[in-house]
Protein backbone atom coordinates (compact mmCIF):
# COMPACT_ATOMS: atom_id res chain seq x y z
CA MET A 1 -57.84 49.28 3.60
CA THR A 2 -57.90 48.43 -0.15
CA TYR A 3 -57.78 50.81 -3.08
CA SER A 4 -58.15 50.17 -6.80
CA LYS A 5 -55.31 50.33 -9.31
CA THR A 6 -56.77 53.59 -10.56
CA THR A 7 -56.03 55.23 -7.21
CA LEU A 8 -52.33 54.49 -7.46
CA ALA A 9 -52.25 55.26 -11.19
CA ALA A 10 -53.73 58.68 -10.47
CA ALA A 11 -51.19 59.33 -7.70
CA LEU A 12 -48.27 58.27 -9.90
CA ALA A 13 -49.61 60.31 -12.82
CA ALA A 14 -49.91 63.38 -10.58
CA ALA A 15 -46.31 62.98 -9.38
CA PHE A 16 -44.94 62.49 -12.88
CA SER A 17 -47.07 65.33 -14.28
CA ALA A 18 -45.83 67.73 -11.60
CA SER A 19 -42.24 66.78 -12.38
CA SER A 20 -42.84 67.14 -16.13
CA ALA A 21 -44.42 70.56 -15.63
CA TYR A 22 -41.41 71.59 -13.57
CA ALA A 23 -38.99 70.38 -16.26
CA GLN A 24 -40.91 72.22 -18.99
CA SER A 25 -41.01 75.51 -17.07
CA ASN A 26 -37.26 75.26 -16.42
CA PRO A 27 -35.34 74.27 -19.59
CA PRO A 28 -33.37 71.17 -18.54
CA SER A 29 -29.63 70.87 -18.24
CA TRP A 30 -29.26 67.19 -17.46
CA LYS A 31 -26.40 65.03 -16.27
CA GLY A 32 -26.48 61.31 -15.68
CA ASP A 33 -25.52 57.83 -16.87
CA VAL A 34 -26.59 55.24 -19.40
CA GLU A 35 -25.55 51.68 -18.50
CA PHE A 36 -25.54 48.39 -20.33
CA GLY A 37 -23.86 45.18 -19.38
CA TYR A 38 -23.80 41.77 -17.76
CA PHE A 39 -25.63 40.70 -14.64
CA GLN A 40 -26.01 37.59 -12.51
CA LEU A 41 -29.09 36.86 -10.39
CA GLU A 42 -29.37 34.60 -7.34
CA GLY A 43 -32.70 34.10 -5.62
CA ASN A 44 -36.10 33.69 -7.28
CA SER A 45 -34.32 33.69 -10.64
CA LYS A 46 -30.87 32.20 -11.32
CA GLU A 47 -29.66 33.35 -14.68
CA SER A 48 -27.00 35.40 -16.43
CA SER A 49 -28.06 37.89 -19.05
CA ALA A 50 -28.12 41.60 -19.96
CA ILE A 51 -29.24 44.69 -18.07
CA ALA A 52 -29.90 48.27 -19.16
CA LYS A 53 -30.20 51.28 -16.84
CA THR A 54 -30.39 55.02 -17.16
CA ASN A 55 -30.58 57.84 -14.65
CA GLY A 56 -30.66 61.59 -14.95
CA LYS A 57 -30.44 64.56 -12.60
CA ARG A 58 -31.22 68.23 -13.07
CA VAL A 59 -30.37 70.89 -10.49
CA SER A 60 -31.88 74.35 -10.87
CA GLY A 61 -31.49 76.70 -7.94
CA GLN A 62 -33.17 75.08 -4.95
CA TRP A 63 -34.81 72.34 -7.02
CA THR A 64 -33.36 68.89 -7.80
CA TYR A 65 -35.11 66.44 -10.11
CA ASP A 66 -34.02 62.78 -10.42
CA ILE A 67 -35.37 60.08 -12.67
CA ALA A 68 -34.12 56.50 -13.11
CA ALA A 69 -35.26 53.56 -15.23
CA GLU A 70 -34.13 49.95 -15.43
CA ALA A 71 -34.91 46.94 -17.64
CA GLN A 72 -33.81 43.31 -17.40
CA ASN A 73 -34.76 40.55 -19.78
CA SER A 74 -33.40 37.03 -20.14
CA GLU A 75 -34.25 33.70 -21.74
CA ALA A 76 -32.74 30.27 -21.24
CA ALA A 77 -33.45 27.49 -23.73
CA GLY A 78 -36.27 29.58 -25.18
CA VAL A 79 -37.94 30.08 -21.79
CA ARG A 80 -38.16 33.50 -20.17
CA SER A 81 -36.25 33.34 -16.89
CA ALA A 82 -35.95 36.99 -15.85
CA GLU A 83 -38.00 40.05 -16.67
CA LYS A 84 -37.99 43.26 -14.66
CA TYR A 85 -38.88 46.89 -15.33
CA ALA A 86 -38.56 49.76 -12.85
CA LEU A 87 -39.10 53.51 -12.88
CA ASN A 88 -38.25 55.95 -10.05
CA ASN A 89 -39.07 59.64 -9.96
CA ARG A 90 -38.02 62.17 -7.29
CA LEU A 91 -38.34 65.94 -6.88
CA ALA A 92 -36.62 67.77 -3.99
CA TYR A 93 -36.62 71.37 -2.80
CA ASP A 94 -33.78 72.80 -0.65
CA PHE A 95 -35.12 75.20 1.95
CA SER A 96 -31.67 75.59 3.53
CA GLU A 97 -28.12 74.38 2.83
CA PHE A 98 -28.59 71.09 4.69
CA ASN A 99 -32.38 70.62 4.77
CA TYR A 100 -34.88 69.83 2.03
CA SER A 101 -38.30 68.37 1.29
CA PHE A 102 -38.97 65.68 -1.31
CA GLY A 103 -41.66 63.87 -3.27
CA TYR A 104 -41.06 60.35 -4.58
CA ALA A 105 -42.89 57.89 -6.84
CA SER A 106 -41.83 54.46 -8.10
CA ALA A 107 -43.23 51.45 -9.93
CA THR A 108 -41.62 48.02 -10.31
CA LYS A 109 -42.77 45.02 -12.32
CA ASP A 110 -40.79 41.82 -11.73
CA ARG A 111 -42.26 38.56 -13.02
CA PHE A 112 -40.03 36.42 -10.80
CA SER A 113 -40.48 38.19 -7.47
CA GLY A 114 -43.91 36.74 -6.73
CA TYR A 115 -45.49 40.15 -7.37
CA VAL A 116 -47.25 41.37 -10.50
CA TYR A 117 -46.11 44.87 -9.53
CA GLN A 118 -45.23 47.08 -6.56
CA ALA A 119 -45.77 50.84 -6.67
CA THR A 120 -45.06 53.54 -4.10
CA VAL A 121 -45.63 57.25 -3.57
CA ALA A 122 -44.06 59.13 -0.63
CA ALA A 123 -43.11 62.61 0.56
CA GLY A 124 -41.16 63.97 3.49
CA TYR A 125 -38.06 65.59 4.95
CA GLY A 126 -34.42 65.21 3.90
CA ARG A 127 -31.21 66.13 5.71
CA ARG A 128 -27.77 66.56 4.13
CA LEU A 129 -25.59 64.91 6.77
CA LEU A 130 -22.33 65.48 4.91
CA LYS A 131 -21.39 67.81 2.08
CA THR A 132 -17.78 68.24 0.95
CA PRO A 133 -16.14 68.52 -2.50
CA LYS A 134 -15.46 64.75 -2.40
CA MET A 135 -18.31 63.35 -0.27
CA THR A 136 -22.06 63.72 0.11
CA TRP A 137 -24.42 61.89 2.45
CA ASP A 138 -28.18 62.45 2.45
CA ALA A 139 -30.90 60.87 4.61
CA GLU A 140 -34.68 61.03 4.07
CA ILE A 141 -37.81 60.08 6.00
CA GLY A 142 -41.47 60.45 5.18
CA PRO A 143 -44.90 58.79 5.03
CA GLY A 144 -46.22 57.20 1.87
CA PHE A 145 -48.58 54.72 0.28
CA ARG A 146 -47.88 51.41 -1.49
CA ILE A 147 -49.93 49.00 -3.61
CA SER A 148 -48.62 45.47 -4.13
CA GLU A 149 -50.31 42.92 -6.38
CA PHE A 150 -49.39 39.28 -5.92
CA GLU A 151 -49.25 36.75 -8.76
CA THR A 152 -51.36 34.51 -6.54
CA ASP A 153 -53.20 35.35 -3.32
CA SER A 154 -51.03 37.04 -0.71
CA PRO A 155 -50.34 35.38 2.66
CA ALA A 156 -53.21 37.56 3.94
CA GLY A 157 -55.54 36.03 1.35
CA ASP A 158 -55.78 39.04 -0.96
CA GLY A 159 -54.47 39.34 -4.51
CA GLN A 160 -53.78 43.04 -3.97
CA VAL A 161 -52.60 44.80 -0.80
CA SER A 162 -52.79 48.57 -0.26
CA GLU A 163 -51.15 50.10 2.79
CA ALA A 164 -49.67 53.19 4.37
CA ILE A 165 -45.90 53.03 4.76
CA LEU A 166 -42.96 54.86 6.30
CA ARG A 167 -40.13 55.37 3.84
CA LEU A 168 -36.53 55.86 5.00
CA SER A 169 -33.53 56.19 2.71
CA THR A 170 -29.88 57.14 2.77
CA ASP A 171 -27.54 57.94 -0.11
CA PHE A 172 -23.75 58.14 0.35
CA SER A 173 -21.26 59.06 -2.41
CA ALA A 174 -17.48 59.46 -2.17
CA ALA A 175 -14.79 60.17 -4.76
CA VAL A 176 -12.11 57.62 -3.84
CA SER A 177 -9.76 58.87 -6.56
CA GLU A 178 -9.76 61.23 -9.53
CA THR A 179 -11.35 58.52 -11.68
CA ALA A 180 -13.35 56.36 -9.22
CA THR A 181 -16.55 56.97 -7.22
CA PHE A 182 -18.07 54.77 -4.51
CA GLU A 183 -21.82 54.88 -3.78
CA GLN A 184 -24.02 53.23 -1.15
CA LYS A 185 -27.81 53.58 -1.28
CA LEU A 186 -30.23 52.04 1.21
CA THR A 187 -34.03 52.31 1.33
CA VAL A 188 -36.57 50.82 3.73
CA GLU A 189 -40.31 51.02 3.01
CA SER A 190 -42.16 49.65 6.02
CA GLY A 191 -45.91 48.97 6.20
CA GLU A 192 -48.24 46.81 8.25
CA GLU A 193 -48.37 44.05 5.61
CA ASN A 194 -44.81 44.14 4.25
CA THR A 195 -41.39 45.75 4.66
CA VAL A 196 -39.22 46.14 1.56
CA THR A 197 -35.50 46.80 2.02
CA LYS A 198 -33.14 47.55 -0.85
CA SER A 199 -29.38 48.10 -0.77
CA ILE A 200 -27.24 49.14 -3.75
CA THR A 201 -23.45 49.21 -3.43
CA SER A 202 -21.45 50.35 -6.45
CA LEU A 203 -18.03 51.45 -7.65
CA LYS A 204 -17.75 53.45 -10.87
CA THR A 205 -14.47 54.13 -12.65
CA LYS A 206 -13.73 56.41 -15.59
CA ILE A 207 -11.97 54.81 -18.57
CA VAL A 208 -11.73 57.58 -21.14
CA GLY A 209 -13.85 60.65 -21.87
CA GLY A 210 -17.44 59.96 -20.83
CA LEU A 211 -16.93 56.20 -20.90
CA GLY A 212 -16.56 54.19 -17.70
CA LEU A 213 -17.07 50.86 -15.96
CA LYS A 214 -19.41 50.17 -13.04
CA LEU A 215 -19.51 47.26 -10.59
CA SER A 216 -22.65 46.99 -8.45
CA TYR A 217 -24.23 44.65 -5.94
CA THR A 218 -27.97 44.96 -5.21
CA MET A 219 -29.97 43.20 -2.49
CA THR A 220 -33.78 43.42 -2.30
CA TYR A 221 -35.61 41.87 0.66
CA ASN A 222 -39.39 41.47 0.93
CA GLU A 223 -40.53 40.51 4.42
CA THR A 224 -43.82 39.11 3.05
CA VAL A 225 -43.69 36.89 -0.05
CA PRO A 226 -46.01 34.34 -1.68
CA THR A 227 -45.49 30.61 -1.11
CA ASP A 228 -42.45 29.11 -2.86
CA THR A 229 -40.84 32.55 -3.26
CA VAL A 230 -37.64 33.48 -1.44
CA HIS A 231 -37.39 36.71 0.54
CA MET A 232 -34.04 37.91 -0.80
CA ASP A 233 -33.01 38.70 -4.38
CA ARG A 234 -29.35 39.46 -5.09
CA GLU A 235 -27.91 40.97 -8.25
CA THR A 236 -24.27 41.37 -9.20
CA ALA A 237 -23.75 43.56 -12.27
CA VAL A 238 -20.84 44.71 -14.40
CA THR A 239 -21.91 47.48 -16.77
CA LEU A 240 -20.34 49.80 -19.30
CA VAL A 241 -21.33 53.38 -18.46
CA TYR A 242 -21.62 56.48 -20.60
CA ASN A 243 -21.83 59.79 -18.74
CA PHE A 244 -23.77 62.69 -20.21
């Protein structure tokens, strides 16, 4: 089953509009990070350059709103060798201490992944498996929809693939000391045409005030890729972090 780009654009716009309306009706009190630093890619692009990320979270009563954005851009000998932009948006509602519902929308454009873009919307159920002053562990599951556009025809012969998916994710965070935090995030978005798995492992340390240092290792695996494109992309990053 194939849908136009407008279908996904409308779905993403609806998700972002709902989140914006929520933020406007509840004056925000945000906390989050702004990152900038060095990264090294291995996979479809092998290059060292700069990376910028930002993420924010707002908790108001039973509502939690998260937004994250990322940009990578690199040139070698005047030739663009890496270019990636990503935006994730999530709104969750706690209906008990350990149970919640969520809505999620994301869009990723990566010139060197073999895809023009990949975009996803999903909703479902979340469970807080662990909640202590020093540790939290959440798990989510829910149905969704994804559109992927290939730079060339896909292995199935189509330039664009639209499919229903099942999205699973887990997010673990632990304070290993008064100044250091370990995080492990894992997501799996599985559909009939492709399964996308992403793992982010990171360690963040506080230097002084709101300034810190973050080490992260990201793996992204696409089960279905165009010809001459590898399945796995790996990213090792060292970034300077400012907490707000």
